[in-house]
Amino acid sequence: MNILVINCGSSSLKFQLINSVSEETIAKGICERIGIDGSQLVYQAVGKDKITNVVKMDDHLKAVKLVLNALTDPVNGVLSSFSEIGAVGHRLVHGGEKFHSSVLITDEVIKATEECNDLAPLHNPANLIGVQACRELMPGTPMVGVFDTAFHQTMPEEAYLYGIPYEYYEKYKVRRYGFHGTSHNYVSQHAALLYQAKIDAARSLEDLKIIVCHLGNGASVTAVKNGKSIDTSMGLTPLEGLIMGTRSGDIDPAIIEFLALKEGMSIQEVTAMLNKKSGVVGLQNGGSSDFRDITADYLAGKAEAVRAMKAYVYRIAKYIGAYTAAMNGVDIICFTAGIGENNNVVRTMVCEYLGYLGIEIDESANEIKGEEVVFSKANSKVAVMSVPTDEELMIARDTKGIVS
């Protein structure tokens, strides 16, 4: 069965067509600047050249049409008709407490997801636009929703509750939800398989304590105990937790009122600053959020980059320590996503904080980028590795399981 995976943003639509049997990607691409001047479709069938088509896209319905036309194009397409798409898997960001796993999308599911829009106002409405566009164009094709928050619904109450009056949880479900769940789920499963293959064949996912560090422009750390998420660094929104590309991560909540009064800013303006002008960008007074630039400047000794890099790494190491305590130990520390998979400088700096765990790093193995690799030494008491994430494949697997 061919499964089309859709990841719909407010002005973009990423897609992959995956063979659910071989789990190979057949074609992939992105629609960019939807509803904005200069919109374009970037499409690539596996084994062929990438094609960029600058074309007007007024809305997501037009974008989905262009994707389907590209997939069935007589010259560069990979399908003879839409009917060869057996199901569509949609990335949905926030399912609140309503969804503990992926689900077949129905009118009731859409309504329940819309009720979570206040918790993810930038993401959920855009995700649902993609769902509606696909339902309109492929009315007979089953659709599956895969929620970023679902994997973290196994967190215990003591981990997800905030220390605020309980009535706000009862009234508004104000609590920690966590994000990047699809990535943390996929990576923890593959980290366990790599551990079995390289270190101890007798131990499986259900017998391991794993800390996954998803380090991209958005970043989060999750404690996975016996295959289940028991804590994660993001909270009610993706703003909590690590210092990120443009997001502040953890701060004293009183800072919001303090800056609002000092700078004459509204709460909304302070929140926008914490989301879009903070993190490593803010620590560099408006510098780059691209860690290739930051790392080069750090190695060159530039003060702004050194300040940002040290704070970024320190926060990751602190969370690893906290989650080691939460699980009463750790067997695997795994890095993933753009920075985690490719930036050996960040990995080394984080691991330098972890000597108390008996970790020893093989620096030559740590040079490997973008591949599955165990880069701790054989005598290291904790396995340290990198596993490339594949959220699209995880969505395809869930979709296959549900429609089957």
Protein backbone atom coordinates (compact mmCIF):
# COMPACT_ATOMS: atom_id res chain seq x y z
CA MET A 1 0.00 0.00 0.00
CA ASN A 2 1.20 3.51 -0.85
CA ILE A 3 0.75 6.02 1.98
CA LEU A 4 0.87 9.77 1.47
CA VAL A 5 2.21 11.57 4.55
CA ILE A 6 1.18 15.20 4.91
CA ASN A 7 2.72 17.75 7.30
CA CYS A 8 0.78 20.97 6.85
CA GLY A 9 1.95 24.32 8.24
CA SER A 10 0.34 27.74 8.01
CA SER A 11 2.07 28.53 4.69
CA SER A 12 3.74 25.23 3.79
CA LEU A 13 2.93 21.60 3.05
CA LYS A 14 5.58 18.89 3.30
CA PHE A 15 4.80 15.49 1.82
CA GLN A 16 6.23 12.02 1.31
CA LEU A 17 4.82 9.04 -0.56
CA ILE A 18 5.94 5.85 1.22
CA ASN A 19 5.56 2.20 0.28
CA SER A 20 4.20 0.70 3.50
CA VAL A 21 5.62 -2.77 2.77
CA SER A 22 9.23 -1.87 1.91
CA GLU A 23 9.05 1.36 3.97
CA GLU A 24 10.90 3.10 1.16
CA THR A 25 10.18 6.69 0.14
CA ILE A 26 8.89 6.85 -3.43
CA ALA A 27 8.66 10.63 -3.78
CA LYS A 28 8.79 13.68 -1.53
CA GLY A 29 8.68 17.44 -1.57
CA ILE A 30 7.31 20.66 -0.18
CA CYS A 31 4.88 23.41 -1.15
CA GLU A 32 6.29 26.70 0.11
CA ARG A 33 4.81 30.19 0.61
CA ILE A 34 1.19 29.06 0.25
CA GLY A 35 -1.00 32.16 -0.01
CA ILE A 36 2.09 34.36 -0.38
CA ASP A 37 3.78 35.78 -3.47
CA GLY A 38 6.52 33.55 -4.83
CA SER A 39 4.92 30.22 -3.90
CA GLN A 40 6.55 27.11 -5.31
CA LEU A 41 6.38 23.31 -5.35
CA VAL A 42 9.63 21.40 -4.88
CA TYR A 43 9.17 17.77 -5.92
CA GLN A 44 11.51 14.81 -6.23
CA ALA A 45 10.82 11.24 -7.23
CA VAL A 46 13.46 8.95 -5.74
CA GLY A 47 16.26 8.37 -8.23
CA LYS A 48 15.34 11.44 -10.29
CA ASP A 49 16.35 15.10 -10.25
CA LYS A 50 14.61 17.57 -7.98
CA ILE A 51 12.06 19.75 -9.77
CA THR A 52 11.10 23.26 -8.63
CA ASN A 53 7.88 24.70 -10.06
CA VAL A 54 7.09 28.34 -9.25
CA VAL A 55 3.31 28.45 -9.30
CA LYS A 56 0.59 30.50 -7.61
CA MET A 57 -0.96 28.71 -4.61
CA ASP A 58 -3.83 30.68 -3.11
CA ASP A 59 -4.61 28.07 -0.47
CA HIS A 60 -3.84 24.57 0.76
CA LEU A 61 -6.49 23.01 -1.48
CA LYS A 62 -4.53 24.24 -4.50
CA ALA A 63 -1.30 22.97 -2.90
CA VAL A 64 -2.72 19.47 -2.39
CA LYS A 65 -3.96 19.46 -5.99
CA LEU A 66 -0.46 20.33 -7.20
CA VAL A 67 1.06 17.56 -5.07
CA LEU A 68 -1.36 14.97 -6.46
CA ASN A 69 -0.76 16.21 -10.01
CA ALA A 70 3.01 15.92 -9.50
CA LEU A 71 2.68 12.37 -8.17
CA THR A 72 0.60 11.36 -11.22
CA ASP A 73 2.48 13.39 -13.83
CA PRO A 74 3.04 11.25 -16.98
CA VAL A 75 6.74 12.16 -17.15
CA ASN A 76 7.98 12.67 -13.59
CA GLY A 77 5.20 11.11 -11.54
CA VAL A 78 5.27 7.79 -9.71
CA LEU A 79 1.56 6.88 -9.80
CA SER A 80 -0.91 6.35 -12.61
CA SER A 81 -3.84 7.73 -10.57
CA PHE A 82 -4.88 8.98 -7.11
CA SER A 83 -6.47 5.58 -6.48
CA GLU A 84 -3.00 4.10 -5.93
CA ILE A 85 -2.79 6.07 -2.67
CA GLY A 86 -4.17 3.66 -0.07
CA ALA A 87 -4.29 6.12 2.83
CA VAL A 88 -3.15 9.55 3.96
CA GLY A 89 -1.34 10.11 7.27
CA HIS A 90 -1.54 13.62 8.70
CA ARG A 91 0.75 15.13 11.30
CA LEU A 92 -1.46 16.82 13.90
CA VAL A 93 0.35 18.79 16.59
CA HIS A 94 -1.93 18.99 19.62
CA GLY A 95 -4.46 16.40 20.71
CA GLY A 96 -4.63 17.51 24.34
CA GLU A 97 -5.85 14.73 26.61
CA LYS A 98 -8.33 13.58 23.98
CA PHE A 99 -5.93 11.44 21.96
CA HIS A 100 -3.50 8.91 23.42
CA SER A 101 -2.67 7.36 20.05
CA SER A 102 -3.14 7.85 16.32
CA VAL A 103 -6.72 7.68 15.04
CA LEU A 104 -8.80 7.31 11.91
CA ILE A 105 -9.96 10.83 11.07
CA THR A 106 -13.72 11.32 11.27
CA ASP A 107 -15.92 14.39 11.68
CA GLU A 108 -15.87 13.74 15.42
CA VAL A 109 -12.06 13.61 15.47
CA ILE A 110 -11.84 16.89 13.57
CA LYS A 111 -14.23 18.53 16.04
CA ALA A 112 -12.23 17.23 19.02
CA THR A 113 -8.98 18.46 17.45
CA GLU A 114 -10.51 21.89 16.84
CA GLU A 115 -11.31 22.04 20.56
CA CYS A 116 -7.53 21.88 21.17
CA ASN A 117 -6.84 24.86 18.88
CA ASP A 118 -6.34 27.21 21.83
CA LEU A 119 -3.42 25.03 22.93
CA ALA A 120 -1.70 25.21 19.51
CA PRO A 121 -3.15 28.22 17.65
CA LEU A 122 -0.36 28.32 15.06
CA HIS A 123 -0.32 24.61 14.29
CA ASN A 124 -3.68 22.86 14.72
CA PRO A 125 -5.74 25.07 12.38
CA ALA A 126 -3.10 24.70 9.65
CA ASN A 127 -2.93 20.93 10.16
CA LEU A 128 -6.70 20.65 9.82
CA ILE A 129 -6.72 22.74 6.64
CA GLY A 130 -4.53 20.03 5.11
CA VAL A 131 -6.93 17.34 6.33
CA GLN A 132 -9.95 19.09 4.82
CA ALA A 133 -8.17 19.65 1.50
CA CYS A 134 -7.25 15.96 1.22
CA ARG A 135 -10.76 14.84 2.21
CA GLU A 136 -12.23 17.06 -0.51
CA LEU A 137 -9.90 15.79 -3.23
CA MET A 138 -9.78 12.13 -2.12
CA PRO A 139 -13.17 11.51 -0.48
CA GLY A 140 -12.88 7.71 -0.54
CA THR A 141 -9.36 7.51 0.86
CA PRO A 142 -8.95 6.83 4.62
CA MET A 143 -7.21 9.58 6.58
CA VAL A 144 -5.26 9.02 9.82
CA GLY A 145 -4.25 11.65 12.37
CA VAL A 146 -0.91 11.19 14.17
CA PHE A 147 -0.56 13.58 17.12
CA ASP A 148 2.75 15.06 18.35
CA THR A 149 1.39 15.00 21.89
CA ALA A 150 0.06 11.42 21.95
CA PHE A 151 3.34 9.66 22.85
CA HIS A 152 3.64 11.78 26.00
CA GLN A 153 0.18 10.89 27.32
CA THR A 154 1.85 8.16 29.40
CA MET A 155 3.45 10.80 31.64
CA PRO A 156 2.38 10.37 35.28
CA GLU A 157 0.40 13.10 37.01
CA GLU A 158 3.38 14.26 39.05
CA ALA A 159 5.29 14.93 35.84
CA TYR A 160 2.59 16.79 33.90
CA LEU A 161 0.96 18.96 36.57
CA TYR A 162 2.10 22.55 37.14
CA GLY A 163 2.31 24.01 40.63
CA ILE A 164 -0.67 26.31 40.08
CA PRO A 165 -4.22 26.06 41.49
CA TYR A 166 -5.60 22.69 40.43
CA GLU A 167 -8.85 24.34 39.30
CA TYR A 168 -7.07 25.60 36.17
CA TYR A 169 -6.26 22.04 35.20
CA GLU A 170 -9.85 21.04 35.87
CA LYS A 171 -11.31 23.99 33.94
CA TYR A 172 -8.84 24.48 31.09
CA LYS A 173 -6.56 21.41 31.14
CA VAL A 174 -3.52 23.58 31.84
CA ARG A 175 -0.76 20.99 32.16
CA ARG A 176 2.39 19.81 30.46
CA TYR A 177 1.76 17.96 27.17
CA GLY A 178 5.11 17.77 25.39
CA PHE A 179 5.80 17.73 21.65
CA HIS A 180 8.03 16.00 19.07
CA GLY A 181 6.31 12.81 20.28
CA THR A 182 6.40 11.09 16.89
CA SER A 183 10.16 11.67 16.71
CA HIS A 184 10.81 10.57 20.30
CA ASN A 185 8.75 7.43 19.74
CA TYR A 186 10.57 6.49 16.52
CA VAL A 187 14.05 7.28 17.83
CA SER A 188 13.64 5.45 21.15
CA GLN A 189 12.50 2.31 19.29
CA HIS A 190 15.49 2.43 16.94
CA ALA A 191 17.92 3.29 19.72
CA ALA A 192 16.81 0.12 21.51
CA LEU A 193 17.34 -1.93 18.34
CA LEU A 194 20.81 -0.44 17.88
CA TYR A 195 21.60 -1.23 21.53
CA GLN A 196 20.55 -4.85 20.97
CA ALA A 197 22.66 -5.12 17.82
CA LYS A 198 25.79 -3.46 19.19
CA ILE A 199 25.80 -3.85 22.98
CA ASP A 200 23.42 -6.34 24.60
CA ALA A 201 21.15 -8.59 22.51
CA ALA A 202 19.24 -9.69 25.59
CA ARG A 203 17.75 -6.27 26.37
CA SER A 204 14.79 -4.79 24.48
CA LEU A 205 12.91 -1.49 24.48
CA GLU A 206 10.69 -2.70 27.33
CA ASP A 207 13.78 -3.22 29.50
CA LEU A 208 15.68 0.02 28.85
CA LYS A 209 15.89 3.56 30.21
CA ILE A 210 16.49 5.95 27.32
CA ILE A 211 16.94 9.72 27.14
CA VAL A 212 16.25 11.11 23.66
CA CYS A 213 17.60 14.58 22.80
CA HIS A 214 15.68 15.94 19.79
CA LEU A 215 17.86 18.91 18.85
CA GLY A 216 16.67 21.01 15.94
CA ASN A 217 15.56 24.65 15.72
CA GLY A 218 12.89 23.45 18.13
CA ALA A 219 14.38 21.12 20.72
CA SER A 220 13.20 18.79 23.47
CA VAL A 221 14.47 16.01 25.73
CA THR A 222 12.34 13.00 26.71
CA ALA A 223 12.79 10.30 29.33
CA VAL A 224 11.59 6.98 27.88
CA LYS A 225 11.32 4.20 30.44
CA ASN A 226 10.39 0.70 29.25
CA GLY A 227 9.15 2.15 25.95
CA LYS A 228 6.92 4.85 27.48
CA SER A 229 7.43 8.58 27.86
CA ILE A 230 7.52 9.46 31.55
CA ASP A 231 8.68 13.08 31.22
CA THR A 232 9.58 15.58 28.51
CA SER A 233 10.97 19.10 28.47
CA MET A 234 8.26 20.93 26.49
CA GLY A 235 5.07 21.79 28.33
CA LEU A 236 1.65 23.31 27.64
CA THR A 237 3.28 24.79 24.54
CA PRO A 238 6.59 24.20 22.71
CA LEU A 239 8.06 27.24 24.49
CA GLU A 240 9.02 25.43 27.70
CA GLY A 241 12.24 23.49 28.22
CA LEU A 242 15.55 23.81 26.40
CA ILE A 243 17.04 26.98 24.98
CA MET A 244 16.21 26.70 21.25
CA GLY A 245 16.83 28.53 18.00
CA THR A 246 14.52 31.47 18.71
CA ARG A 247 12.61 30.22 21.80
CA SER A 248 13.66 31.04 25.34
CA GLY A 249 12.88 27.71 26.99
CA ASP A 250 12.47 27.77 30.77
CA ILE A 251 12.27 31.23 32.36
CA ASP A 252 10.99 32.72 35.61
CA PRO A 253 7.32 33.54 34.80
CA ALA A 254 7.73 36.90 36.57
CA ILE A 255 9.99 38.02 33.69
CA ILE A 256 6.88 38.49 31.55
CA GLU A 257 5.34 41.11 33.83
CA PHE A 258 8.74 42.69 34.54
CA LEU A 259 9.51 43.27 30.85
CA ALA A 260 5.95 44.33 30.06
CA LEU A 261 6.20 47.11 32.66
CA LYS A 262 9.79 48.13 31.86
CA GLU A 263 9.42 48.10 28.07
CA GLY A 264 5.76 49.09 27.76
CA MET A 265 5.00 45.79 26.02
CA SER A 266 1.78 43.82 26.04
CA ILE A 267 1.71 40.22 27.23
CA GLN A 268 1.27 39.18 23.60
CA GLU A 269 4.35 41.16 22.58
CA VAL A 270 6.46 39.63 25.34
CA THR A 271 5.26 36.15 24.39
CA ALA A 272 6.13 36.83 20.73
CA MET A 273 9.61 37.93 21.82
CA LEU A 274 10.07 34.75 23.86
CA ASN A 275 9.06 32.65 20.84
CA LYS A 276 10.72 34.48 17.96
CA LYS A 277 13.59 36.63 19.25
CA SER A 278 15.00 34.63 22.14
CA GLY A 279 16.98 31.38 22.43
CA VAL A 280 20.42 31.37 20.81
CA VAL A 281 19.33 34.25 18.55
CA GLY A 282 18.59 36.41 21.57
CA LEU A 283 21.75 35.38 23.41
CA GLN A 284 23.72 36.63 20.40
CA ASN A 285 21.77 39.90 20.26
CA GLY A 286 20.10 38.94 17.01
CA GLY A 287 22.68 36.55 15.58
CA SER A 288 22.04 33.43 13.52
CA SER A 289 19.88 30.51 14.69
CA ASP A 290 21.70 28.16 12.29
CA PHE A 291 24.02 25.98 14.36
CA ARG A 292 26.46 25.64 11.48
CA ASP A 293 27.09 29.38 11.81
CA ILE A 294 27.04 29.32 15.62
CA THR A 295 29.48 26.40 15.78
CA ALA A 296 31.91 28.04 13.36
CA ASP A 297 31.78 31.27 15.37
CA TYR A 298 32.15 29.33 18.64
CA LEU A 299 35.27 27.56 17.36
CA ALA A 300 36.59 30.95 16.21
CA GLY A 301 36.12 32.24 19.75
CA LYS A 302 33.50 34.90 18.99
CA ALA A 303 32.04 36.00 22.33
CA GLU A 304 28.36 36.02 21.31
CA ALA A 305 28.54 32.49 19.91
CA VAL A 306 30.52 31.20 22.90
CA ARG A 307 27.88 32.62 25.26
CA ALA A 308 25.00 31.11 23.28
CA MET A 309 26.65 27.71 22.77
CA LYS A 310 27.59 27.27 26.43
CA ALA A 311 24.10 28.17 27.65
CA TYR A 312 22.48 25.90 25.05
CA VAL A 313 24.63 22.89 25.94
CA TYR A 314 24.34 23.47 29.70
CA ARG A 315 20.53 23.34 29.55
CA ILE A 316 20.61 20.03 27.64
CA ALA A 317 23.02 18.50 30.17
CA LYS A 318 20.82 19.69 33.06
CA TYR A 319 17.77 17.96 31.60
CA ILE A 320 19.72 14.75 31.03
CA GLY A 321 20.73 14.81 34.68
CA ALA A 322 17.15 15.45 35.79
CA TYR A 323 15.78 12.60 33.70
CA THR A 324 18.48 10.22 34.89
CA ALA A 325 17.16 10.93 38.39
CA ALA A 326 13.52 10.59 37.26
CA MET A 327 14.22 7.09 35.90
CA ASN A 328 16.71 6.17 38.64
CA GLY A 329 19.34 5.51 36.02
CA VAL A 330 19.89 5.56 32.25
CA ASP A 331 21.08 2.98 29.72
CA ILE A 332 21.07 5.05 26.52
CA ILE A 333 21.46 8.73 25.69
CA CYS A 334 20.47 9.31 22.08
CA PHE A 335 20.84 12.44 19.94
CA THR A 336 18.59 13.13 16.95
CA ALA A 337 17.23 15.83 14.57
CA GLY A 338 19.33 18.31 12.61
CA ILE A 339 21.75 19.34 15.36
CA GLY A 340 21.71 16.05 17.25
CA GLU A 341 22.49 14.04 14.13
CA ASN A 342 25.10 16.32 12.59
CA ASN A 343 26.79 18.53 15.17
CA ASN A 344 29.55 16.56 16.87
CA VAL A 345 30.74 19.68 18.72
CA VAL A 346 27.42 20.00 20.55
CA ARG A 347 27.42 16.26 21.29
CA THR A 348 30.93 16.39 22.71
CA MET A 349 30.17 19.44 24.86
CA VAL A 350 27.04 17.83 26.30
CA CYS A 351 28.87 14.60 27.08
CA GLU A 352 31.64 16.49 28.89
CA TYR A 353 29.07 17.18 31.63
CA LEU A 354 28.22 13.50 31.99
CA GLY A 355 31.39 11.95 33.32
CA TYR A 356 29.61 11.16 36.59
CA LEU A 357 27.57 8.61 34.62
CA GLY A 358 30.73 6.76 33.57
CA ILE A 359 30.40 7.88 29.96
CA GLU A 360 33.44 7.62 27.69
CA ILE A 361 33.28 8.93 24.15
CA ASP A 362 35.00 7.59 21.03
CA GLU A 363 35.84 10.86 19.29
CA SER A 364 36.44 9.25 15.89
CA ALA A 365 32.99 7.63 15.97
CA ASN A 366 31.53 10.96 17.09
CA GLU A 367 32.75 12.48 13.82
CA ILE A 368 30.14 10.43 11.92
CA LYS A 369 27.17 12.57 10.91
CA GLY A 370 23.68 11.82 9.65
CA GLU A 371 23.91 8.07 10.32
CA GLU A 372 23.06 5.61 13.08
CA VAL A 373 26.16 5.41 15.25
CA VAL A 374 27.14 4.39 18.77
CA PHE A 375 29.90 6.83 19.69
CA SER A 376 30.53 5.78 23.27
CA LYS A 377 33.43 3.42 23.95
CA ALA A 378 32.86 -0.28 24.69
CA ASN A 379 33.64 0.25 28.39
CA SER A 380 31.26 3.23 28.75
CA LYS A 381 28.69 2.58 31.47
CA VAL A 382 26.01 4.34 29.39
CA ALA A 383 25.61 3.91 25.64
CA VAL A 384 25.66 7.23 23.75
CA MET A 385 24.46 7.26 20.17
CA SER A 386 22.87 9.21 17.35
CA VAL A 387 19.84 7.94 15.42
CA PRO A 388 18.40 9.94 12.50
CA THR A 389 14.75 10.65 13.12
CA ASP A 390 12.08 9.74 10.57
CA GLU A 391 8.75 11.18 11.64
CA GLU A 392 7.24 10.57 8.22
CA LEU A 393 7.97 6.84 8.39
CA MET A 394 6.50 6.70 11.91
CA ILE A 395 3.34 8.40 10.62
CA ALA A 396 3.20 5.93 7.73
CA ARG A 397 3.55 2.97 10.11
CA ASP A 398 0.74 4.23 12.34
CA THR A 399 -1.41 4.91 9.31
CA LYS A 400 -0.85 1.43 7.92
CA GLY A 401 -1.65 -0.15 11.29
CA ILE A 402 -4.92 1.72 11.65
CA VAL A 403 -6.29 1.34 8.12
CA SER A 404 -5.32 -2.34 8.10
